[in-house]
Amino acid sequence: MEAELDEVARANDFSGVVRVEEDGQVFEKAYGLAHRGYGIPNTVDTRFAIASGGKGFTALAVVSLIEDGTLGYDTKVREFLGEDLKLIDDEVTVGQLLAHRSGIGDYLDEEVITDFNDYVLPVPVQNLRDIEQYVPILDGYPQKFPPGTQFGYNNGGYIVLSLIAERASGVPYHDLVLQRVCEPAGLTDTDFLRSDSLGARTAIGYLLIDGEWRTNVFNLPIRGGGDGGIFTTAADVSALWKAFFAGRIVSPEWVAEMVKPHSEIPEDKLRYGLGFWLHGSRNQVQLVGQDAGVSFKTVHEPESGVTRTVLGNTADGVWLVARFLNTRG
């Protein structure tokens, strides 16, 4: 497999890390550069941003608050929004946000935004360090459909979830995820890093503009939020799956609820649970992310324990590599 994988990676100019766990064996390999200017290569323990892969972390933090009674699955989000974001329907619930069935207007609507490399945030990226700072850019988007009536993937909905979680718990969102998800799962290399202070062993995201590789420092919030942007390693992704399905983050009953189909998306041959994508017909659970200078996909099969993870520091880098791994599975 390695020789074929090397050819797929070379043909697609892949920069990132691949990790496959199967039958008690681990295969992992790094490709490309973490820092193109200094020629620093990616290594198997390089940290990468995972864009919307972070929604799984948000969902787990929120569900942990539901478990301890801080929030309810059917809690109306207006209870914590007050006079903020008045265009969000008063009937929208925490559960609907988790399942992407709220119908609220989306500040980052992927039905409209087709190229993340071209998207520019409506405020300077350095103004988005904390969740409360997102409130102004979430405002002004009317409901797209009545709450609970259909599936509509929604980035803004997960920012609202992180806002609700923060206000309900009294704990800043980033700390909440570290305390409620990363610590019980033993994720020592996972954190919300600032894009202007990434530190050692961390890949910079790149996008190709006019034939030149440029970093994504001006394209994304300076610090990730509820809809994505946490940094992690391939090994930590595997540890997350193991902790999740072992019931160390939320109870087994909630694990089952989170990976139960809440929506069918037949056009994509997928289903959706609570924070996690599900294969359309097989027992596979997925986290997927894409943004300017970021691409990520991890697939876990609960019954066999097989995990296939690809992390990349370009927007389109992982897809053909992930497809190759899936065909070999």
C-alpha atoms as a PDB file:
ATOM      1  CA  MET A   1       0.000   0.000   0.000  1.00  0.00           C
ATOM      2  CA  GLU A   2       2.775   2.451   0.869  1.00  0.00           C
ATOM      3  CA  ALA A   3       4.183   2.609  -2.662  1.00  0.00           C
ATOM      4  CA  GLU A   4       0.730   3.261  -4.118  1.00  0.00           C
ATOM      5  CA  LEU A   5       0.032   5.864  -1.442  1.00  0.00           C
ATOM      6  CA  ASP A   6       3.312   7.607  -2.211  1.00  0.00           C
ATOM      7  CA  GLU A   7       2.301   7.827  -5.872  1.00  0.00           C
ATOM      8  CA  VAL A   8      -1.136   9.275  -5.035  1.00  0.00           C
ATOM      9  CA  ALA A   9       0.495  11.804  -2.695  1.00  0.00           C
ATOM     10  CA  ARG A  10       3.107  12.775  -5.293  1.00  0.00           C
ATOM     11  CA  ALA A  11       0.581  13.111  -8.107  1.00  0.00           C
ATOM     12  CA  ASN A  12      -1.590  15.400  -5.976  1.00  0.00           C
ATOM     13  CA  ASP A  13       1.222  17.410  -4.394  1.00  0.00           C
ATOM     14  CA  PHE A  14      -0.087  16.276  -1.013  1.00  0.00           C
ATOM     15  CA  SER A  15       1.255  18.007   2.063  1.00  0.00           C
ATOM     16  CA  GLY A  16       0.159  16.456   5.334  1.00  0.00           C
ATOM     17  CA  VAL A  17       0.005  13.275   7.398  1.00  0.00           C
ATOM     18  CA  VAL A  18      -1.687   9.912   6.878  1.00  0.00           C
ATOM     19  CA  ARG A  19      -2.443   7.506   9.719  1.00  0.00           C
ATOM     20  CA  VAL A  20      -4.209   4.146   9.444  1.00  0.00           C
ATOM     21  CA  GLU A  21      -4.992   1.875  12.400  1.00  0.00           C
ATOM     22  CA  GLU A  22      -6.191  -1.629  11.639  1.00  0.00           C
ATOM     23  CA  ASP A  23      -5.935  -5.001  13.406  1.00  0.00           C
ATOM     24  CA  GLY A  24      -3.717  -3.556  16.108  1.00  0.00           C
ATOM     25  CA  GLN A  25      -1.235  -2.179  13.569  1.00  0.00           C
ATOM     26  CA  VAL A  26      -0.475   1.502  12.962  1.00  0.00           C
ATOM     27  CA  PHE A  27       0.782   2.936   9.686  1.00  0.00           C
ATOM     28  CA  GLU A  28       1.632   6.622   9.568  1.00  0.00           C
ATOM     29  CA  LYS A  29       3.592   8.773   7.168  1.00  0.00           C
ATOM     30  CA  ALA A  30       4.205  12.486   6.587  1.00  0.00           C
ATOM     31  CA  TYR A  31       4.509  14.327   3.289  1.00  0.00           C
ATOM     32  CA  GLY A  32       5.367  17.850   2.224  1.00  0.00           C
ATOM     33  CA  LEU A  33       6.263  20.935   4.217  1.00  0.00           C
ATOM     34  CA  ALA A  34       4.908  22.408   7.429  1.00  0.00           C
ATOM     35  CA  HIS A  35       6.689  25.687   6.629  1.00  0.00           C
ATOM     36  CA  ARG A  36       7.497  26.346   2.988  1.00  0.00           C
ATOM     37  CA  GLY A  37       9.634  29.429   3.632  1.00  0.00           C
ATOM     38  CA  TYR A  38      12.094  27.620   5.889  1.00  0.00           C
ATOM     39  CA  GLY A  39      11.699  24.208   4.266  1.00  0.00           C
ATOM     40  CA  ILE A  40      10.511  22.551   7.494  1.00  0.00           C
ATOM     41  CA  PRO A  41       8.968  19.150   6.665  1.00  0.00           C
ATOM     42  CA  ASN A  42       5.791  17.749   8.106  1.00  0.00           C
ATOM     43  CA  THR A  43       6.338  14.896  10.556  1.00  0.00           C
ATOM     44  CA  VAL A  44       3.894  12.301  11.847  1.00  0.00           C
ATOM     45  CA  ASP A  45       3.425  14.349  15.044  1.00  0.00           C
ATOM     46  CA  THR A  46       2.913  17.709  13.309  1.00  0.00           C
ATOM     47  CA  ARG A  47      -0.167  19.594  14.503  1.00  0.00           C
ATOM     48  CA  PHE A  48      -2.689  20.645  11.846  1.00  0.00           C
ATOM     49  CA  ALA A  49      -5.807  22.779  11.896  1.00  0.00           C
ATOM     50  CA  ILE A  50      -8.861  20.636  11.117  1.00  0.00           C
ATOM     51  CA  ALA A  51     -11.471  23.291  10.203  1.00  0.00           C
ATOM     52  CA  SER A  52     -14.989  21.838  10.600  1.00  0.00           C
ATOM     53  CA  GLY A  53     -13.569  18.682  12.121  1.00  0.00           C
ATOM     54  CA  GLY A  54     -13.752  20.795  15.265  1.00  0.00           C
ATOM     55  CA  LYS A  55     -17.561  20.616  15.219  1.00  0.00           C
ATOM     56  CA  GLY A  56     -17.254  17.189  16.805  1.00  0.00           C
ATOM     57  CA  PHE A  57     -15.400  18.788  19.727  1.00  0.00           C
ATOM     58  CA  THR A  58     -18.088  21.453  20.088  1.00  0.00           C
ATOM     59  CA  ALA A  59     -20.850  18.847  19.996  1.00  0.00           C
ATOM     60  CA  LEU A  60     -19.130  16.752  22.661  1.00  0.00           C
ATOM     61  CA  ALA A  61     -18.670  19.757  24.950  1.00  0.00           C
ATOM     62  CA  VAL A  62     -22.325  20.723  24.547  1.00  0.00           C
ATOM     63  CA  VAL A  63     -23.573  17.174  25.114  1.00  0.00           C
ATOM     64  CA  SER A  64     -21.475  16.974  28.288  1.00  0.00           C
ATOM     65  CA  LEU A  65     -23.357  20.076  29.501  1.00  0.00           C
ATOM     66  CA  ILE A  66     -26.641  18.376  28.631  1.00  0.00           C
ATOM     67  CA  GLU A  67     -25.569  15.347  30.649  1.00  0.00           C
ATOM     68  CA  ASP A  68     -24.823  17.370  33.758  1.00  0.00           C
ATOM     69  CA  GLY A  69     -28.031  19.401  33.471  1.00  0.00           C
ATOM     70  CA  THR A  70     -26.428  22.733  32.591  1.00  0.00           C
ATOM     71  CA  LEU A  71     -28.301  22.638  29.275  1.00  0.00           C
ATOM     72  CA  GLY A  72     -31.192  20.592  27.927  1.00  0.00           C
ATOM     73  CA  TYR A  73     -31.402  18.985  24.507  1.00  0.00           C
ATOM     74  CA  ASP A  74     -34.716  20.805  24.022  1.00  0.00           C
ATOM     75  CA  THR A  75     -33.580  24.058  25.623  1.00  0.00           C
ATOM     76  CA  LYS A  76     -34.657  27.051  23.526  1.00  0.00           C
ATOM     77  CA  VAL A  77     -31.539  28.986  22.618  1.00  0.00           C
ATOM     78  CA  ARG A  78     -33.379  32.280  23.110  1.00  0.00           C
ATOM     79  CA  GLU A  79     -33.089  31.586  26.834  1.00  0.00           C
ATOM     80  CA  PHE A  80     -29.382  32.399  26.571  1.00  0.00           C
ATOM     81  CA  LEU A  81     -29.374  34.734  23.571  1.00  0.00           C
ATOM     82  CA  GLY A  82     -31.648  37.323  25.152  1.00  0.00           C
ATOM     83  CA  GLU A  83     -31.819  40.313  22.816  1.00  0.00           C
ATOM     84  CA  ASP A  84     -28.898  39.110  20.683  1.00  0.00           C
ATOM     85  CA  LEU A  85     -29.410  37.636  17.192  1.00  0.00           C
ATOM     86  CA  LYS A  86     -33.111  38.506  16.986  1.00  0.00           C
ATOM     87  CA  LEU A  87     -33.568  36.871  13.568  1.00  0.00           C
ATOM     88  CA  ILE A  88     -33.052  33.428  15.117  1.00  0.00           C
ATOM     89  CA  ASP A  89     -36.476  31.853  15.585  1.00  0.00           C
ATOM     90  CA  ASP A  90     -37.558  31.673  19.229  1.00  0.00           C
ATOM     91  CA  GLU A  91     -38.342  27.946  18.791  1.00  0.00           C
ATOM     92  CA  VAL A  92     -34.779  26.943  17.842  1.00  0.00           C
ATOM     93  CA  THR A  93     -33.357  24.414  20.306  1.00  0.00           C
ATOM     94  CA  VAL A  94     -29.920  23.190  21.304  1.00  0.00           C
ATOM     95  CA  GLY A  95     -30.676  19.791  19.763  1.00  0.00           C
ATOM     96  CA  GLN A  96     -31.631  21.335  16.429  1.00  0.00           C
ATOM     97  CA  LEU A  97     -28.352  23.246  16.320  1.00  0.00           C
ATOM     98  CA  LEU A  98     -26.404  20.054  17.085  1.00  0.00           C
ATOM     99  CA  ALA A  99     -28.151  18.220  14.234  1.00  0.00           C
ATOM    100  CA  HIS A 100     -28.000  21.115  11.731  1.00  0.00           C
ATOM    101  CA  ARG A 101     -31.788  21.245  11.708  1.00  0.00           C
ATOM    102  CA  SER A 102     -32.278  24.742  13.156  1.00  0.00           C
ATOM    103  CA  GLY A 103     -32.816  26.552   9.855  1.00  0.00           C
ATOM    104  CA  ILE A 104     -31.091  29.695  11.090  1.00  0.00           C
ATOM    105  CA  GLY A 105     -29.320  31.977   8.622  1.00  0.00           C
ATOM    106  CA  ASP A 106     -25.624  31.204   8.227  1.00  0.00           C
ATOM    107  CA  TYR A 107     -22.821  33.765   8.262  1.00  0.00           C
ATOM    108  CA  LEU A 108     -20.654  31.257   6.352  1.00  0.00           C
ATOM    109  CA  ASP A 109     -23.180  29.637   4.024  1.00  0.00           C
ATOM    110  CA  GLU A 110     -21.503  26.837   2.060  1.00  0.00           C
ATOM    111  CA  GLU A 111     -24.329  26.836  -0.481  1.00  0.00           C
ATOM    112  CA  VAL A 112     -23.076  30.294  -1.489  1.00  0.00           C
ATOM    113  CA  ILE A 113     -19.349  30.106  -0.695  1.00  0.00           C
ATOM    114  CA  THR A 114     -17.837  27.597  -3.104  1.00  0.00           C
ATOM    115  CA  ASP A 115     -14.138  28.509  -2.792  1.00  0.00           C
ATOM    116  CA  PHE A 116     -12.795  28.952   0.737  1.00  0.00           C
ATOM    117  CA  ASN A 117      -9.540  30.367  -0.597  1.00  0.00           C
ATOM    118  CA  ASP A 118     -11.441  33.371  -1.960  1.00  0.00           C
ATOM    119  CA  TYR A 119     -13.633  33.991   1.094  1.00  0.00           C
ATOM    120  CA  VAL A 120     -12.871  37.068   3.213  1.00  0.00           C
ATOM    121  CA  LEU A 121     -14.340  37.513   6.674  1.00  0.00           C
ATOM    122  CA  PRO A 122     -16.481  40.641   7.183  1.00  0.00           C
ATOM    123  CA  VAL A 123     -14.254  41.839  10.044  1.00  0.00           C
ATOM    124  CA  PRO A 124     -10.463  41.820  10.536  1.00  0.00           C
ATOM    125  CA  VAL A 125      -9.393  38.299  11.518  1.00  0.00           C
ATOM    126  CA  GLN A 126      -7.660  39.550  14.673  1.00  0.00           C
ATOM    127  CA  ASN A 127     -11.064  40.670  15.973  1.00  0.00           C
ATOM    128  CA  LEU A 128     -12.215  37.052  16.273  1.00  0.00           C
ATOM    129  CA  ARG A 129     -10.324  35.739  19.287  1.00  0.00           C
ATOM    130  CA  ASP A 130     -13.235  34.904  21.579  1.00  0.00           C
ATOM    131  CA  ILE A 131     -16.761  33.631  20.970  1.00  0.00           C
ATOM    132  CA  GLU A 132     -18.609  36.772  22.072  1.00  0.00           C
ATOM    133  CA  GLN A 133     -16.760  38.655  19.335  1.00  0.00           C
ATOM    134  CA  TYR A 134     -18.661  36.614  16.737  1.00  0.00           C
ATOM    135  CA  VAL A 135     -22.075  37.987  17.722  1.00  0.00           C
ATOM    136  CA  PRO A 136     -21.996  40.995  15.340  1.00  0.00           C
ATOM    137  CA  ILE A 137     -21.061  38.886  12.284  1.00  0.00           C
ATOM    138  CA  LEU A 138     -23.721  36.268  13.064  1.00  0.00           C
ATOM    139  CA  ASP A 139     -26.443  38.901  13.022  1.00  0.00           C
ATOM    140  CA  GLY A 140     -28.624  39.907  10.074  1.00  0.00           C
ATOM    141  CA  TYR A 141     -29.285  36.487   8.519  1.00  0.00           C
ATOM    142  CA  PRO A 142     -32.980  35.496   8.461  1.00  0.00           C
ATOM    143  CA  GLN A 143     -34.277  31.967   9.023  1.00  0.00           C
ATOM    144  CA  LYS A 144     -33.935  29.766   5.936  1.00  0.00           C
ATOM    145  CA  PHE A 145     -36.606  27.258   6.976  1.00  0.00           C
ATOM    146  CA  PRO A 146     -38.757  26.506  10.061  1.00  0.00           C
ATOM    147  CA  PRO A 147     -36.817  24.941  12.946  1.00  0.00           C
ATOM    148  CA  GLY A 148     -36.657  21.162  12.938  1.00  0.00           C
ATOM    149  CA  THR A 149     -38.167  20.624   9.482  1.00  0.00           C
ATOM    150  CA  GLN A 150     -35.065  19.659   7.482  1.00  0.00           C
ATOM    151  CA  PHE A 151     -31.283  19.353   7.406  1.00  0.00           C
ATOM    152  CA  GLY A 152     -29.199  22.384   6.497  1.00  0.00           C
ATOM    153  CA  TYR A 153     -25.470  22.309   7.223  1.00  0.00           C
ATOM    154  CA  ASN A 154     -24.754  25.449   9.214  1.00  0.00           C
ATOM    155  CA  ASN A 155     -21.457  26.912  10.388  1.00  0.00           C
ATOM    156  CA  GLY A 156     -23.126  29.767  12.221  1.00  0.00           C
ATOM    157  CA  GLY A 157     -25.244  27.297  14.148  1.00  0.00           C
ATOM    158  CA  TYR A 158     -22.143  25.824  15.743  1.00  0.00           C
ATOM    159  CA  ILE A 159     -20.867  29.272  16.678  1.00  0.00           C
ATOM    160  CA  VAL A 160     -24.235  29.853  18.361  1.00  0.00           C
ATOM    161  CA  LEU A 161     -23.823  26.507  20.156  1.00  0.00           C
ATOM    162  CA  SER A 162     -20.432  27.570  21.489  1.00  0.00           C
ATOM    163  CA  LEU A 163     -21.918  30.896  22.581  1.00  0.00           C
ATOM    164  CA  ILE A 164     -24.769  29.148  24.406  1.00  0.00           C
ATOM    165  CA  ALA A 165     -22.362  26.676  26.034  1.00  0.00           C
ATOM    166  CA  GLU A 166     -20.154  29.512  27.244  1.00  0.00           C
ATOM    167  CA  ARG A 167     -23.016  31.564  28.643  1.00  0.00           C
ATOM    168  CA  ALA A 168     -24.714  28.586  30.292  1.00  0.00           C
ATOM    169  CA  SER A 169     -21.578  27.173  31.922  1.00  0.00           C
ATOM    170  CA  GLY A 170     -19.756  30.394  32.733  1.00  0.00           C
ATOM    171  CA  VAL A 171     -16.609  28.840  31.259  1.00  0.00           C
ATOM    172  CA  PRO A 172     -14.983  30.321  28.122  1.00  0.00           C
ATOM    173  CA  TYR A 173     -15.654  28.049  25.138  1.00  0.00           C
ATOM    174  CA  HIS A 174     -12.020  27.210  24.411  1.00  0.00           C
ATOM    175  CA  ASP A 175     -11.404  26.222  28.034  1.00  0.00           C
ATOM    176  CA  LEU A 176     -14.649  24.253  28.057  1.00  0.00           C
ATOM    177  CA  VAL A 177     -13.529  22.080  25.123  1.00  0.00           C
ATOM    178  CA  LEU A 178     -10.134  21.472  26.694  1.00  0.00           C
ATOM    179  CA  GLN A 179     -11.701  20.530  30.044  1.00  0.00           C
ATOM    180  CA  ARG A 180     -14.655  18.510  28.782  1.00  0.00           C
ATOM    181  CA  VAL A 181     -13.193  16.824  25.691  1.00  0.00           C
ATOM    182  CA  CYS A 182      -9.418  16.990  25.423  1.00  0.00           C
ATOM    183  CA  GLU A 183      -8.523  16.211  29.047  1.00  0.00           C
ATOM    184  CA  PRO A 184     -10.741  13.121  29.490  1.00  0.00           C
ATOM    185  CA  ALA A 185      -9.623  11.852  26.073  1.00  0.00           C
ATOM    186  CA  GLY A 186      -5.930  12.422  26.855  1.00  0.00           C
ATOM    187  CA  LEU A 187      -5.386  14.716  23.870  1.00  0.00           C
ATOM    188  CA  THR A 188      -2.062  16.301  24.799  1.00  0.00           C
ATOM    189  CA  ASP A 189      -1.383  17.815  21.364  1.00  0.00           C
ATOM    190  CA  THR A 190      -4.800  19.395  20.720  1.00  0.00           C
ATOM    191  CA  ASP A 191      -5.544  23.070  21.337  1.00  0.00           C
ATOM    192  CA  PHE A 192      -7.013  26.275  19.897  1.00  0.00           C
ATOM    193  CA  LEU A 193      -3.791  27.881  18.691  1.00  0.00           C
ATOM    194  CA  ARG A 194      -3.556  31.482  17.533  1.00  0.00           C
ATOM    195  CA  SER A 195      -2.603  31.807  13.881  1.00  0.00           C
ATOM    196  CA  ASP A 196       0.014  34.431  14.774  1.00  0.00           C
ATOM    197  CA  SER A 197       1.572  32.195  17.449  1.00  0.00           C
ATOM    198  CA  LEU A 198       1.456  28.601  16.254  1.00  0.00           C
ATOM    199  CA  GLY A 199       4.588  27.403  17.984  1.00  0.00           C
ATOM    200  CA  ALA A 200       6.805  24.446  17.159  1.00  0.00           C
ATOM    201  CA  ARG A 201       5.685  21.306  15.351  1.00  0.00           C
ATOM    202  CA  THR A 202       2.681  23.003  13.759  1.00  0.00           C
ATOM    203  CA  ALA A 203       1.835  23.199  10.062  1.00  0.00           C
ATOM    204  CA  ILE A 204       1.073  26.552   8.505  1.00  0.00           C
ATOM    205  CA  GLY A 205      -1.872  26.510   6.108  1.00  0.00           C
ATOM    206  CA  TYR A 206      -1.144  27.503   2.504  1.00  0.00           C
ATOM    207  CA  LEU A 207      -3.144  28.566  -0.516  1.00  0.00           C
ATOM    208  CA  LEU A 208      -1.896  29.045  -4.073  1.00  0.00           C
ATOM    209  CA  ILE A 209      -2.542  32.587  -5.341  1.00  0.00           C
ATOM    210  CA  ASP A 210      -1.237  33.760  -8.725  1.00  0.00           C
ATOM    211  CA  GLY A 211       1.252  30.916  -8.752  1.00  0.00           C
ATOM    212  CA  GLU A 212       2.610  31.758  -5.301  1.00  0.00           C
ATOM    213  CA  TRP A 213       2.112  29.853  -2.045  1.00  0.00           C
ATOM    214  CA  ARG A 214       0.794  32.205   0.625  1.00  0.00           C
ATOM    215  CA  THR A 215      -0.174  31.486   4.223  1.00  0.00           C
ATOM    216  CA  ASN A 216      -3.803  31.568   5.364  1.00  0.00           C
ATOM    217  CA  VAL A 217      -3.137  34.017   8.198  1.00  0.00           C
ATOM    218  CA  PHE A 218      -5.465  36.626   6.634  1.00  0.00           C
ATOM    219  CA  ASN A 219      -8.219  34.147   5.699  1.00  0.00           C
ATOM    220  CA  LEU A 220      -9.298  32.633   9.017  1.00  0.00           C
ATOM    221  CA  PRO A 221     -10.143  33.861  12.519  1.00  0.00           C
ATOM    222  CA  ILE A 222      -7.025  34.344  14.588  1.00  0.00           C
ATOM    223  CA  ARG A 223      -8.358  31.635  16.894  1.00  0.00           C
ATOM    224  CA  GLY A 224     -10.798  28.887  15.982  1.00  0.00           C
ATOM    225  CA  GLY A 225     -14.359  28.902  17.275  1.00  0.00           C
ATOM    226  CA  GLY A 226     -17.383  26.664  17.639  1.00  0.00           C
ATOM    227  CA  ASP A 227     -17.609  25.873  13.938  1.00  0.00           C
ATOM    228  CA  GLY A 228     -13.999  24.741  13.664  1.00  0.00           C
ATOM    229  CA  GLY A 229     -10.335  25.614  13.812  1.00  0.00           C
ATOM    230  CA  ILE A 230      -8.835  23.515  16.583  1.00  0.00           C
ATOM    231  CA  PHE A 231      -5.333  22.090  15.946  1.00  0.00           C
ATOM    232  CA  THR A 232      -4.488  18.438  16.530  1.00  0.00           C
ATOM    233  CA  THR A 233      -2.286  15.530  15.470  1.00  0.00           C
ATOM    234  CA  ALA A 234      -3.044  12.239  13.764  1.00  0.00           C
ATOM    235  CA  ALA A 235      -2.353  10.358  16.993  1.00  0.00           C
ATOM    236  CA  ASP A 236      -4.704  12.597  18.971  1.00  0.00           C
ATOM    237  CA  VAL A 237      -7.456  12.016  16.405  1.00  0.00           C
ATOM    238  CA  SER A 238      -7.118   8.275  17.006  1.00  0.00           C
ATOM    239  CA  ALA A 239      -7.172   8.867  20.759  1.00  0.00           C
ATOM    240  CA  LEU A 240     -10.358  10.927  20.378  1.00  0.00           C
ATOM    241  CA  TRP A 241     -12.158   8.080  18.604  1.00  0.00           C
ATOM    242  CA  LYS A 242     -11.080   5.580  21.265  1.00  0.00           C
ATOM    243  CA  ALA A 243     -12.128   7.819  24.156  1.00  0.00           C
ATOM    244  CA  PHE A 244     -15.419   8.738  22.510  1.00  0.00           C
ATOM    245  CA  PHE A 245     -16.541   5.175  21.886  1.00  0.00           C
ATOM    246  CA  ALA A 246     -15.242   4.027  25.289  1.00  0.00           C
ATOM    247  CA  GLY A 247     -17.625   6.501  26.945  1.00  0.00           C
ATOM    248  CA  ARG A 248     -14.852   8.554  28.560  1.00  0.00           C
ATOM    249  CA  ILE A 249     -16.107  11.917  27.197  1.00  0.00           C
ATOM    250  CA  VAL A 250     -19.868  11.418  27.286  1.00  0.00           C
ATOM    251  CA  SER A 251     -21.859   8.373  28.408  1.00  0.00           C
ATOM    252  CA  PRO A 252     -22.386   5.370  26.118  1.00  0.00           C
ATOM    253  CA  GLU A 253     -26.053   6.344  25.866  1.00  0.00           C
ATOM    254  CA  TRP A 254     -25.099   9.721  24.456  1.00  0.00           C
ATOM    255  CA  VAL A 255     -22.439   8.186  22.217  1.00  0.00           C
ATOM    256  CA  ALA A 256     -25.219   6.122  20.658  1.00  0.00           C
ATOM    257  CA  GLU A 257     -27.405   9.216  20.269  1.00  0.00           C
ATOM    258  CA  MET A 258     -24.623  11.226  18.653  1.00  0.00           C
ATOM    259  CA  VAL A 259     -23.877   8.570  16.027  1.00  0.00           C
ATOM    260  CA  LYS A 260     -27.542   7.782  15.345  1.00  0.00           C
ATOM    261  CA  PRO A 261     -28.790   9.217  12.029  1.00  0.00           C
ATOM    262  CA  HIS A 262     -30.801  12.364  12.650  1.00  0.00           C
ATOM    263  CA  SER A 263     -30.862  13.294   8.965  1.00  0.00           C
ATOM    264  CA  GLU A 264     -30.422  11.585   5.613  1.00  0.00           C
ATOM    265  CA  ILE A 265     -28.397  13.371   2.905  1.00  0.00           C
ATOM    266  CA  PRO A 266     -28.829  10.964  -0.031  1.00  0.00           C
ATOM    267  CA  GLU A 267     -27.341  13.316  -2.632  1.00  0.00           C
ATOM    268  CA  ASP A 268     -24.009  13.017  -0.800  1.00  0.00           C
ATOM    269  CA  LYS A 269     -24.497   9.367   0.245  1.00  0.00           C
ATOM    270  CA  LEU A 270     -24.219  10.511   3.843  1.00  0.00           C
ATOM    271  CA  ARG A 271     -26.228  10.821   7.024  1.00  0.00           C
ATOM    272  CA  TYR A 272     -25.723  13.137   9.985  1.00  0.00           C
ATOM    273  CA  GLY A 273     -25.825  12.522  13.711  1.00  0.00           C
ATOM    274  CA  LEU A 274     -24.965  15.162  16.320  1.00  0.00           C
ATOM    275  CA  GLY A 275     -21.636  16.731  15.364  1.00  0.00           C
ATOM    276  CA  PHE A 276     -20.574  13.708  13.316  1.00  0.00           C
ATOM    277  CA  TRP A 277     -21.079  12.676   9.693  1.00  0.00           C
ATOM    278  CA  LEU A 278     -22.182   9.094   9.073  1.00  0.00           C
ATOM    279  CA  HIS A 279     -21.696   6.956   5.977  1.00  0.00           C
ATOM    280  CA  GLY A 280     -24.885   6.587   3.980  1.00  0.00           C
ATOM    281  CA  SER A 281     -25.109   2.812   4.353  1.00  0.00           C
ATOM    282  CA  ARG A 282     -22.147   1.499   6.362  1.00  0.00           C
ATOM    283  CA  ASN A 283     -21.331   1.782  10.051  1.00  0.00           C
ATOM    284  CA  GLN A 284     -18.719   4.507   9.635  1.00  0.00           C
ATOM    285  CA  VAL A 285     -18.451   7.728  11.622  1.00  0.00           C
ATOM    286  CA  GLN A 286     -16.600  10.678  10.143  1.00  0.00           C
ATOM    287  CA  LEU A 287     -15.233  14.124  10.891  1.00  0.00           C
ATOM    288  CA  VAL A 288     -14.451  16.298   7.881  1.00  0.00           C
ATOM    289  CA  GLY A 289     -13.051  19.809   7.524  1.00  0.00           C
ATOM    290  CA  GLN A 290     -12.013  22.208   4.780  1.00  0.00           C
ATOM    291  CA  ASP A 291     -11.000  25.832   4.825  1.00  0.00           C
ATOM    292  CA  ALA A 292      -8.395  28.101   3.275  1.00  0.00           C
ATOM    293  CA  GLY A 293      -5.138  26.211   3.705  1.00  0.00           C
ATOM    294  CA  VAL A 294      -6.817  23.366   5.612  1.00  0.00           C
ATOM    295  CA  SER A 295      -8.252  19.956   4.725  1.00  0.00           C
ATOM    296  CA  PHE A 296      -9.034  17.030   6.994  1.00  0.00           C
ATOM    297  CA  LYS A 297     -10.896  13.738   7.004  1.00  0.00           C
ATOM    298  CA  THR A 298     -11.015  10.956   9.536  1.00  0.00           C
ATOM    299  CA  VAL A 299     -13.167   7.839   9.275  1.00  0.00           C
ATOM    300  CA  HIS A 300     -13.731   5.416  12.137  1.00  0.00           C
ATOM    301  CA  GLU A 301     -15.452   2.046  12.029  1.00  0.00           C
ATOM    302  CA  PRO A 302     -16.734   1.302  15.540  1.00  0.00           C
ATOM    303  CA  GLU A 303     -17.177  -2.435  15.016  1.00  0.00           C
ATOM    304  CA  SER A 304     -13.715  -3.183  13.621  1.00  0.00           C
ATOM    305  CA  GLY A 305     -11.847  -0.325  15.292  1.00  0.00           C
ATOM    306  CA  VAL A 306     -10.322   0.685  11.949  1.00  0.00           C
ATOM    307  CA  THR A 307      -9.420   4.381  11.718  1.00  0.00           C
ATOM    308  CA  ARG A 308      -8.180   6.219   8.630  1.00  0.00           C
ATOM    309  CA  THR A 309      -7.073   9.823   9.103  1.00  0.00           C
ATOM    310  CA  VAL A 310      -5.631  12.362   6.669  1.00  0.00           C
ATOM    311  CA  LEU A 311      -4.625  15.887   7.713  1.00  0.00           C
ATOM    312  CA  GLY A 312      -3.382  18.487   5.237  1.00  0.00           C
ATOM    313  CA  ASN A 313      -2.215  22.086   5.133  1.00  0.00           C
ATOM    314  CA  THR A 314      -3.793  23.005   1.789  1.00  0.00           C
ATOM    315  CA  ALA A 315      -7.504  23.337   1.065  1.00  0.00           C
ATOM    316  CA  ASP A 316      -7.753  20.455  -1.424  1.00  0.00           C
ATOM    317  CA  GLY A 317      -4.913  18.217  -0.369  1.00  0.00           C
ATOM    318  CA  VAL A 318      -6.516  15.324   1.471  1.00  0.00           C
ATOM    319  CA  TRP A 319      -9.468  14.276  -0.662  1.00  0.00           C
ATOM    320  CA  LEU A 320      -7.851  11.967  -3.199  1.00  0.00           C
ATOM    321  CA  VAL A 321      -5.549  10.529  -0.557  1.00  0.00           C
ATOM    322  CA  ALA A 322      -8.537   9.814   1.706  1.00  0.00           C
ATOM    323  CA  ARG A 323     -10.417   8.285  -1.221  1.00  0.00           C
ATOM    324  CA  PHE A 324      -7.470   6.005  -1.960  1.00  0.00           C
ATOM    325  CA  LEU A 325      -7.376   4.820   1.669  1.00  0.00           C
ATOM    326  CA  ASN A 326     -11.106   4.192   1.619  1.00  0.00           C
ATOM    327  CA  THR A 327     -10.876   2.048  -1.513  1.00  0.00           C
ATOM    328  CA  ARG A 328      -8.169  -0.023   0.174  1.00  0.00           C
ATOM    329  CA  GLY A 329     -10.348  -0.528   3.272  1.00  0.00           C
END
